[in-house]
Amino acid sequence: MFKSRDQLEALIVTDEMNAVEYPLMEDFYTIQGEGAHSGRPAYFIRTAGCDVNCWWCDVRESWDEDAHPRETVGNIVERAKDSGAEFAVITGGEPLLHDLDPMTFKLKQAGIQTHIETSGSSPLSGYLDWITLSPKRFKEPIDDIFPYVDELKVVVLTRKDLEWAEKNAEKCPESTQLLLQPEWEKEGAVELIIDYVKEHPEWGISLQTHKFMGVR
């Protein structure tokens, strides 16, 4: 369950938290390539396991939790600290399949800001500085996440996705940053989004700039 910063500061945590394990596909220092923090140096932590399985997903190898080793919080956080990153992005797969409290607490204890990218299909957990919700039409997000959404980023292939984006935007706080992102290989998606944003300036456009730059 999501906890406030005040609750975080009130907790007493033992070293046992460092021994908690997560199925981990990969973790690495890179540049955030999309969304509101595009261009920002970030330590990516990609957990394994997914219950959404987008057909356009470019990291399908992350879906099978059992196909990846389990790694301790202590080791993950130590690598993040060693990278020099000030900002960590927890992604997947679907990271909310796992209780993120231990990992995110230790990251924040190490002075690293925490950011999650999620479909919102499972209950929210973790001590998080920024929540990006990327909802999928074929497995809707649970309502409990919407009050906490900092960034709504909707992948667009067809006009139906624009309707889906508006449906989710209605549930978000007024402060939520609204972004539409074209599916990388879908012809016509960019033009569709450009026309829509011109008519609906409350929305912005997110591009997968890491693919242009050739970084992970």
C-alpha atoms as a PDB file:
ATOM      1  CA  MET A   1       0.000   0.000   0.000  1.00  0.00           C
ATOM      2  CA  PHE A   2       1.252   3.485  -0.847  1.00  0.00           C
ATOM      3  CA  LYS A   3       2.670   5.374   2.139  1.00  0.00           C
ATOM      4  CA  SER A   4       3.307   9.076   2.621  1.00  0.00           C
ATOM      5  CA  ARG A   5       6.721  10.612   3.204  1.00  0.00           C
ATOM      6  CA  ASP A   6       5.709  11.277   6.819  1.00  0.00           C
ATOM      7  CA  GLN A   7       5.043   7.578   7.301  1.00  0.00           C
ATOM      8  CA  LEU A   8       8.344   6.792   5.626  1.00  0.00           C
ATOM      9  CA  GLU A   9      10.287   8.987   8.024  1.00  0.00           C
ATOM     10  CA  ALA A  10       8.541   7.381  10.998  1.00  0.00           C
ATOM     11  CA  LEU A  11       9.544   3.832  10.096  1.00  0.00           C
ATOM     12  CA  ILE A  12      12.394   1.924  11.737  1.00  0.00           C
ATOM     13  CA  VAL A  13      13.960  -0.427   9.206  1.00  0.00           C
ATOM     14  CA  THR A  14      16.398  -3.254   9.897  1.00  0.00           C
ATOM     15  CA  ASP A  15      19.073  -4.667   7.607  1.00  0.00           C
ATOM     16  CA  GLU A  16      16.707  -7.564   6.892  1.00  0.00           C
ATOM     17  CA  MET A  17      15.193  -5.387   4.167  1.00  0.00           C
ATOM     18  CA  ASN A  18      18.432  -5.700   2.176  1.00  0.00           C
ATOM     19  CA  ALA A  19      17.856  -9.466   1.911  1.00  0.00           C
ATOM     20  CA  VAL A  20      14.443  -9.163   0.247  1.00  0.00           C
ATOM     21  CA  GLU A  21      14.603 -10.573  -3.288  1.00  0.00           C
ATOM     22  CA  TYR A  22      12.956  -9.605  -6.567  1.00  0.00           C
ATOM     23  CA  PRO A  23      12.920 -11.374  -9.942  1.00  0.00           C
ATOM     24  CA  LEU A  24      15.171  -9.100 -11.970  1.00  0.00           C
ATOM     25  CA  MET A  25      15.538  -9.045 -15.739  1.00  0.00           C
ATOM     26  CA  GLU A  26      18.133  -6.269 -15.783  1.00  0.00           C
ATOM     27  CA  ASP A  27      19.363  -3.087 -14.115  1.00  0.00           C
ATOM     28  CA  PHE A  28      21.591  -0.469 -15.709  1.00  0.00           C
ATOM     29  CA  TYR A  29      22.488   3.236 -15.794  1.00  0.00           C
ATOM     30  CA  THR A  30      21.162   5.045 -18.844  1.00  0.00           C
ATOM     31  CA  ILE A  31      19.168   8.060 -20.041  1.00  0.00           C
ATOM     32  CA  GLN A  32      15.421   8.145 -19.563  1.00  0.00           C
ATOM     33  CA  GLY A  33      14.162   8.195 -23.119  1.00  0.00           C
ATOM     34  CA  GLU A  34      10.482   9.028 -22.819  1.00  0.00           C
ATOM     35  CA  GLY A  35       7.856  10.812 -20.796  1.00  0.00           C
ATOM     36  CA  ALA A  36       8.117  13.805 -18.503  1.00  0.00           C
ATOM     37  CA  HIS A  37      11.690  12.984 -17.437  1.00  0.00           C
ATOM     38  CA  SER A  38      13.012  12.366 -20.930  1.00  0.00           C
ATOM     39  CA  GLY A  39      16.714  13.131 -21.207  1.00  0.00           C
ATOM     40  CA  ARG A  40      17.393  12.683 -17.501  1.00  0.00           C
ATOM     41  CA  PRO A  41      20.128  10.259 -16.335  1.00  0.00           C
ATOM     42  CA  ALA A  42      18.450   7.341 -14.585  1.00  0.00           C
ATOM     43  CA  TYR A  43      19.182   3.933 -13.099  1.00  0.00           C
ATOM     44  CA  PHE A  44      16.703   1.492 -14.624  1.00  0.00           C
ATOM     45  CA  ILE A  45      15.512  -1.484 -12.583  1.00  0.00           C
ATOM     46  CA  ARG A  46      13.457  -3.874 -14.705  1.00  0.00           C
ATOM     47  CA  THR A  47      11.594  -6.474 -12.674  1.00  0.00           C
ATOM     48  CA  ALA A  48      10.384  -9.698 -14.280  1.00  0.00           C
ATOM     49  CA  GLY A  49       6.783 -10.840 -14.461  1.00  0.00           C
ATOM     50  CA  CYS A  50       3.840  -9.313 -16.318  1.00  0.00           C
ATOM     51  CA  ASP A  51       0.076  -9.876 -16.316  1.00  0.00           C
ATOM     52  CA  VAL A  52      -0.683  -7.387 -19.098  1.00  0.00           C
ATOM     53  CA  ASN A  53       1.341  -8.706 -22.064  1.00  0.00           C
ATOM     54  CA  CYS A  54       0.973  -5.892 -24.601  1.00  0.00           C
ATOM     55  CA  TRP A  55       1.300  -7.324 -28.080  1.00  0.00           C
ATOM     56  CA  TRP A  56       3.595  -4.437 -29.122  1.00  0.00           C
ATOM     57  CA  CYS A  57       5.898  -4.875 -26.098  1.00  0.00           C
ATOM     58  CA  ASP A  58       9.612  -4.692 -26.973  1.00  0.00           C
ATOM     59  CA  VAL A  59      10.746  -6.450 -23.771  1.00  0.00           C
ATOM     60  CA  ARG A  60       8.664  -9.624 -23.925  1.00  0.00           C
ATOM     61  CA  GLU A  61      11.516 -11.499 -22.302  1.00  0.00           C
ATOM     62  CA  SER A  62      10.492  -9.731 -19.086  1.00  0.00           C
ATOM     63  CA  TRP A  63       7.085 -11.422 -18.966  1.00  0.00           C
ATOM     64  CA  ASP A  64       8.143 -14.763 -17.488  1.00  0.00           C
ATOM     65  CA  GLU A  65       9.126 -14.230 -13.869  1.00  0.00           C
ATOM     66  CA  ASP A  66      10.598 -17.719 -13.567  1.00  0.00           C
ATOM     67  CA  ALA A  67      12.983 -17.116 -16.476  1.00  0.00           C
ATOM     68  CA  HIS A  68      15.027 -14.600 -14.508  1.00  0.00           C
ATOM     69  CA  PRO A  69      17.205 -14.792 -11.391  1.00  0.00           C
ATOM     70  CA  ARG A  70      16.181 -13.299  -8.076  1.00  0.00           C
ATOM     71  CA  GLU A  71      18.333 -10.475  -6.748  1.00  0.00           C
ATOM     72  CA  THR A  72      18.523  -8.909  -3.306  1.00  0.00           C
ATOM     73  CA  VAL A  73      17.550  -5.348  -2.516  1.00  0.00           C
ATOM     74  CA  GLY A  74      21.004  -4.793  -1.062  1.00  0.00           C
ATOM     75  CA  ASN A  75      22.772  -5.691  -4.290  1.00  0.00           C
ATOM     76  CA  ILE A  76      20.379  -3.710  -6.483  1.00  0.00           C
ATOM     77  CA  VAL A  77      20.676  -0.577  -4.371  1.00  0.00           C
ATOM     78  CA  GLU A  78      24.444  -0.896  -4.121  1.00  0.00           C
ATOM     79  CA  ARG A  79      24.756  -0.976  -7.915  1.00  0.00           C
ATOM     80  CA  ALA A  80      22.441   2.010  -8.202  1.00  0.00           C
ATOM     81  CA  LYS A  81      24.571   3.949  -5.702  1.00  0.00           C
ATOM     82  CA  ASP A  82      27.795   2.973  -7.471  1.00  0.00           C
ATOM     83  CA  SER A  83      26.426   4.272 -10.781  1.00  0.00           C
ATOM     84  CA  GLY A  84      26.174   7.772  -9.364  1.00  0.00           C
ATOM     85  CA  ALA A  85      22.504   8.023 -10.343  1.00  0.00           C
ATOM     86  CA  GLU A  86      20.258  10.395  -8.424  1.00  0.00           C
ATOM     87  CA  PHE A  87      17.106   8.992  -9.996  1.00  0.00           C
ATOM     88  CA  ALA A  88      15.867   5.387 -10.350  1.00  0.00           C
ATOM     89  CA  VAL A  89      13.150   4.128 -12.693  1.00  0.00           C
ATOM     90  CA  ILE A  90      11.420   0.904 -11.678  1.00  0.00           C
ATOM     91  CA  THR A  91       9.758  -0.738 -14.645  1.00  0.00           C
ATOM     92  CA  GLY A  92       9.026  -4.172 -16.068  1.00  0.00           C
ATOM     93  CA  GLY A  93       7.272  -6.308 -16.972  1.00  0.00           C
ATOM     94  CA  GLU A  94       4.752  -5.038 -14.500  1.00  0.00           C
ATOM     95  CA  PRO A  95       6.585  -3.895 -11.368  1.00  0.00           C
ATOM     96  CA  LEU A  96       3.471  -3.659  -9.182  1.00  0.00           C
ATOM     97  CA  LEU A  97       3.150  -7.435  -9.228  1.00  0.00           C
ATOM     98  CA  HIS A  98       5.749  -7.160  -6.461  1.00  0.00           C
ATOM     99  CA  ASP A  99       5.715  -5.337  -3.119  1.00  0.00           C
ATOM    100  CA  LEU A 100       8.035  -2.439  -3.850  1.00  0.00           C
ATOM    101  CA  ASP A 101       8.224  -1.113  -0.286  1.00  0.00           C
ATOM    102  CA  PRO A 102      11.607  -2.714   0.568  1.00  0.00           C
ATOM    103  CA  MET A 103      13.386  -1.721  -2.650  1.00  0.00           C
ATOM    104  CA  THR A 104      12.079   1.819  -2.812  1.00  0.00           C
ATOM    105  CA  PHE A 105      12.672   2.466   0.882  1.00  0.00           C
ATOM    106  CA  LYS A 106      16.326   1.467   0.574  1.00  0.00           C
ATOM    107  CA  LEU A 107      16.745   3.499  -2.614  1.00  0.00           C
ATOM    108  CA  LYS A 108      15.395   6.595  -0.869  1.00  0.00           C
ATOM    109  CA  GLN A 109      17.537   5.855   2.168  1.00  0.00           C
ATOM    110  CA  ALA A 110      20.496   5.935  -0.232  1.00  0.00           C
ATOM    111  CA  GLY A 111      19.427   9.379  -1.456  1.00  0.00           C
ATOM    112  CA  ILE A 112      18.026   8.175  -4.807  1.00  0.00           C
ATOM    113  CA  GLN A 113      14.684   9.478  -6.058  1.00  0.00           C
ATOM    114  CA  THR A 114      12.236   6.779  -7.084  1.00  0.00           C
ATOM    115  CA  HIS A 115      10.061   6.683 -10.188  1.00  0.00           C
ATOM    116  CA  ILE A 116       7.753   3.885 -11.319  1.00  0.00           C
ATOM    117  CA  GLU A 117       6.318   3.149 -14.744  1.00  0.00           C
ATOM    118  CA  THR A 118       3.242   0.930 -14.424  1.00  0.00           C
ATOM    119  CA  SER A 119       0.037  -0.139 -16.121  1.00  0.00           C
ATOM    120  CA  GLY A 120      -1.679   0.141 -12.744  1.00  0.00           C
ATOM    121  CA  SER A 121      -3.069  -3.396 -13.004  1.00  0.00           C
ATOM    122  CA  SER A 122      -2.049  -4.298  -9.424  1.00  0.00           C
ATOM    123  CA  PRO A 123      -2.239  -2.473  -6.078  1.00  0.00           C
ATOM    124  CA  LEU A 124       0.166   0.407  -5.588  1.00  0.00           C
ATOM    125  CA  SER A 125       3.160  -0.095  -3.306  1.00  0.00           C
ATOM    126  CA  GLY A 126       6.441   1.678  -2.662  1.00  0.00           C
ATOM    127  CA  TYR A 127       7.852   4.991  -1.475  1.00  0.00           C
ATOM    128  CA  LEU A 128       7.641   6.870  -4.731  1.00  0.00           C
ATOM    129  CA  ASP A 129       8.560  10.373  -5.884  1.00  0.00           C
ATOM    130  CA  TRP A 130       6.990  10.072  -9.345  1.00  0.00           C
ATOM    131  CA  ILE A 131       4.299   7.737 -10.663  1.00  0.00           C
ATOM    132  CA  THR A 132       3.832   7.246 -14.388  1.00  0.00           C
ATOM    133  CA  LEU A 133       0.642   5.423 -15.283  1.00  0.00           C
ATOM    134  CA  SER A 134       0.528   3.850 -18.738  1.00  0.00           C
ATOM    135  CA  PRO A 135      -2.906   2.189 -18.792  1.00  0.00           C
ATOM    136  CA  LYS A 136      -3.804  -0.593 -21.220  1.00  0.00           C
ATOM    137  CA  ARG A 137      -7.281  -1.129 -22.664  1.00  0.00           C
ATOM    138  CA  PHE A 138      -7.105  -4.925 -22.360  1.00  0.00           C
ATOM    139  CA  LYS A 139      -6.293  -4.867 -18.605  1.00  0.00           C
ATOM    140  CA  GLU A 140      -7.600  -1.727 -16.989  1.00  0.00           C
ATOM    141  CA  PRO A 141      -5.820  -0.072 -14.064  1.00  0.00           C
ATOM    142  CA  ILE A 142      -7.377  -0.374 -10.633  1.00  0.00           C
ATOM    143  CA  ASP A 143      -8.987   2.824  -9.399  1.00  0.00           C
ATOM    144  CA  ASP A 144      -6.829   3.115  -6.270  1.00  0.00           C
ATOM    145  CA  ILE A 145      -3.826   4.359  -8.263  1.00  0.00           C
ATOM    146  CA  PHE A 146      -5.429   7.410  -9.873  1.00  0.00           C
ATOM    147  CA  PRO A 147      -5.161   9.901  -6.966  1.00  0.00           C
ATOM    148  CA  TYR A 148      -1.366   9.439  -6.999  1.00  0.00           C
ATOM    149  CA  VAL A 149      -0.651   9.697 -10.734  1.00  0.00           C
ATOM    150  CA  ASP A 150       1.943  12.342 -11.614  1.00  0.00           C
ATOM    151  CA  GLU A 151       2.098  11.461 -15.305  1.00  0.00           C
ATOM    152  CA  LEU A 152      -0.436   9.750 -17.543  1.00  0.00           C
ATOM    153  CA  LYS A 153       1.321   8.342 -20.607  1.00  0.00           C
ATOM    154  CA  VAL A 154      -0.907   6.555 -23.096  1.00  0.00           C
ATOM    155  CA  VAL A 155       0.487   4.555 -26.016  1.00  0.00           C
ATOM    156  CA  VAL A 156      -1.500   5.352 -29.157  1.00  0.00           C
ATOM    157  CA  LEU A 157      -2.055   3.130 -32.175  1.00  0.00           C
ATOM    158  CA  THR A 158      -5.590   4.100 -33.248  1.00  0.00           C
ATOM    159  CA  ARG A 159      -8.278   6.662 -32.455  1.00  0.00           C
ATOM    160  CA  LYS A 160      -9.725   4.264 -29.860  1.00  0.00           C
ATOM    161  CA  ASP A 161      -6.581   4.846 -27.815  1.00  0.00           C
ATOM    162  CA  LEU A 162      -7.317   8.575 -27.757  1.00  0.00           C
ATOM    163  CA  GLU A 163     -10.755   7.827 -26.294  1.00  0.00           C
ATOM    164  CA  TRP A 164      -9.081   5.534 -23.773  1.00  0.00           C
ATOM    165  CA  ALA A 165      -6.629   8.290 -22.869  1.00  0.00           C
ATOM    166  CA  GLU A 166      -9.426  10.753 -22.134  1.00  0.00           C
ATOM    167  CA  LYS A 167     -11.296   8.178 -20.038  1.00  0.00           C
ATOM    168  CA  ASN A 168      -8.247   7.735 -17.815  1.00  0.00           C
ATOM    169  CA  ALA A 169      -7.421  11.445 -17.703  1.00  0.00           C
ATOM    170  CA  GLU A 170     -10.831  12.118 -16.157  1.00  0.00           C
ATOM    171  CA  LYS A 171      -9.783  10.038 -13.118  1.00  0.00           C
ATOM    172  CA  CYS A 172      -6.427  11.766 -12.580  1.00  0.00           C
ATOM    173  CA  PRO A 173      -5.685  14.866 -10.466  1.00  0.00           C
ATOM    174  CA  GLU A 174      -5.658  18.216 -12.252  1.00  0.00           C
ATOM    175  CA  SER A 175      -1.894  18.389 -11.736  1.00  0.00           C
ATOM    176  CA  THR A 176      -1.234  15.188 -13.694  1.00  0.00           C
ATOM    177  CA  GLN A 177       0.917  15.667 -16.782  1.00  0.00           C
ATOM    178  CA  LEU A 178      -0.933  14.225 -19.792  1.00  0.00           C
ATOM    179  CA  LEU A 179       1.126  12.639 -22.570  1.00  0.00           C
ATOM    180  CA  LEU A 180       0.357  10.669 -25.716  1.00  0.00           C
ATOM    181  CA  GLN A 181       3.052   8.393 -27.105  1.00  0.00           C
ATOM    182  CA  PRO A 182       2.923   6.842 -30.587  1.00  0.00           C
ATOM    183  CA  GLU A 183       3.577   3.127 -30.822  1.00  0.00           C
ATOM    184  CA  TRP A 184       7.035   2.948 -32.383  1.00  0.00           C
ATOM    185  CA  GLU A 185       6.154   0.835 -35.425  1.00  0.00           C
ATOM    186  CA  LYS A 186       2.546   1.884 -36.068  1.00  0.00           C
ATOM    187  CA  GLU A 187       2.263   3.849 -39.298  1.00  0.00           C
ATOM    188  CA  GLY A 188       0.170   6.977 -38.921  1.00  0.00           C
ATOM    189  CA  ALA A 189       0.286   7.096 -35.128  1.00  0.00           C
ATOM    190  CA  VAL A 190       2.503  10.197 -35.014  1.00  0.00           C
ATOM    191  CA  GLU A 191       0.279  12.159 -37.386  1.00  0.00           C
ATOM    192  CA  LEU A 192      -2.817  11.095 -35.416  1.00  0.00           C
ATOM    193  CA  ILE A 193      -1.320  12.369 -32.178  1.00  0.00           C
ATOM    194  CA  ILE A 194      -0.073  15.643 -33.675  1.00  0.00           C
ATOM    195  CA  ASP A 195      -3.543  16.499 -34.958  1.00  0.00           C
ATOM    196  CA  TYR A 196      -5.132  15.560 -31.650  1.00  0.00           C
ATOM    197  CA  VAL A 197      -2.747  17.584 -29.493  1.00  0.00           C
ATOM    198  CA  LYS A 198      -3.268  20.651 -31.668  1.00  0.00           C
ATOM    199  CA  GLU A 199      -6.982  20.418 -30.868  1.00  0.00           C
ATOM    200  CA  HIS A 200      -6.466  19.378 -27.227  1.00  0.00           C
ATOM    201  CA  PRO A 201      -3.491  21.400 -25.913  1.00  0.00           C
ATOM    202  CA  GLU A 202      -3.841  19.980 -22.395  1.00  0.00           C
ATOM    203  CA  TRP A 203      -2.058  16.933 -23.836  1.00  0.00           C
ATOM    204  CA  GLY A 204       1.601  16.749 -24.795  1.00  0.00           C
ATOM    205  CA  ILE A 205       3.577  14.250 -26.865  1.00  0.00           C
ATOM    206  CA  SER A 206       6.085  11.706 -25.588  1.00  0.00           C
ATOM    207  CA  LEU A 207       8.557  10.135 -28.012  1.00  0.00           C
ATOM    208  CA  GLN A 208      10.876   7.186 -27.410  1.00  0.00           C
ATOM    209  CA  THR A 209      14.008   9.254 -27.842  1.00  0.00           C
ATOM    210  CA  HIS A 210      16.249   6.479 -26.515  1.00  0.00           C
ATOM    211  CA  LYS A 211      15.559   4.613 -29.757  1.00  0.00           C
ATOM    212  CA  PHE A 212      16.740   7.588 -31.774  1.00  0.00           C
ATOM    213  CA  MET A 213      19.825   7.890 -29.563  1.00  0.00           C
ATOM    214  CA  GLY A 214      20.601   4.184 -29.663  1.00  0.00           C
ATOM    215  CA  VAL A 215      20.646   3.716 -25.880  1.00  0.00           C
ATOM    216  CA  ARG A 216      18.811   1.149 -23.778  1.00  0.00           C
END
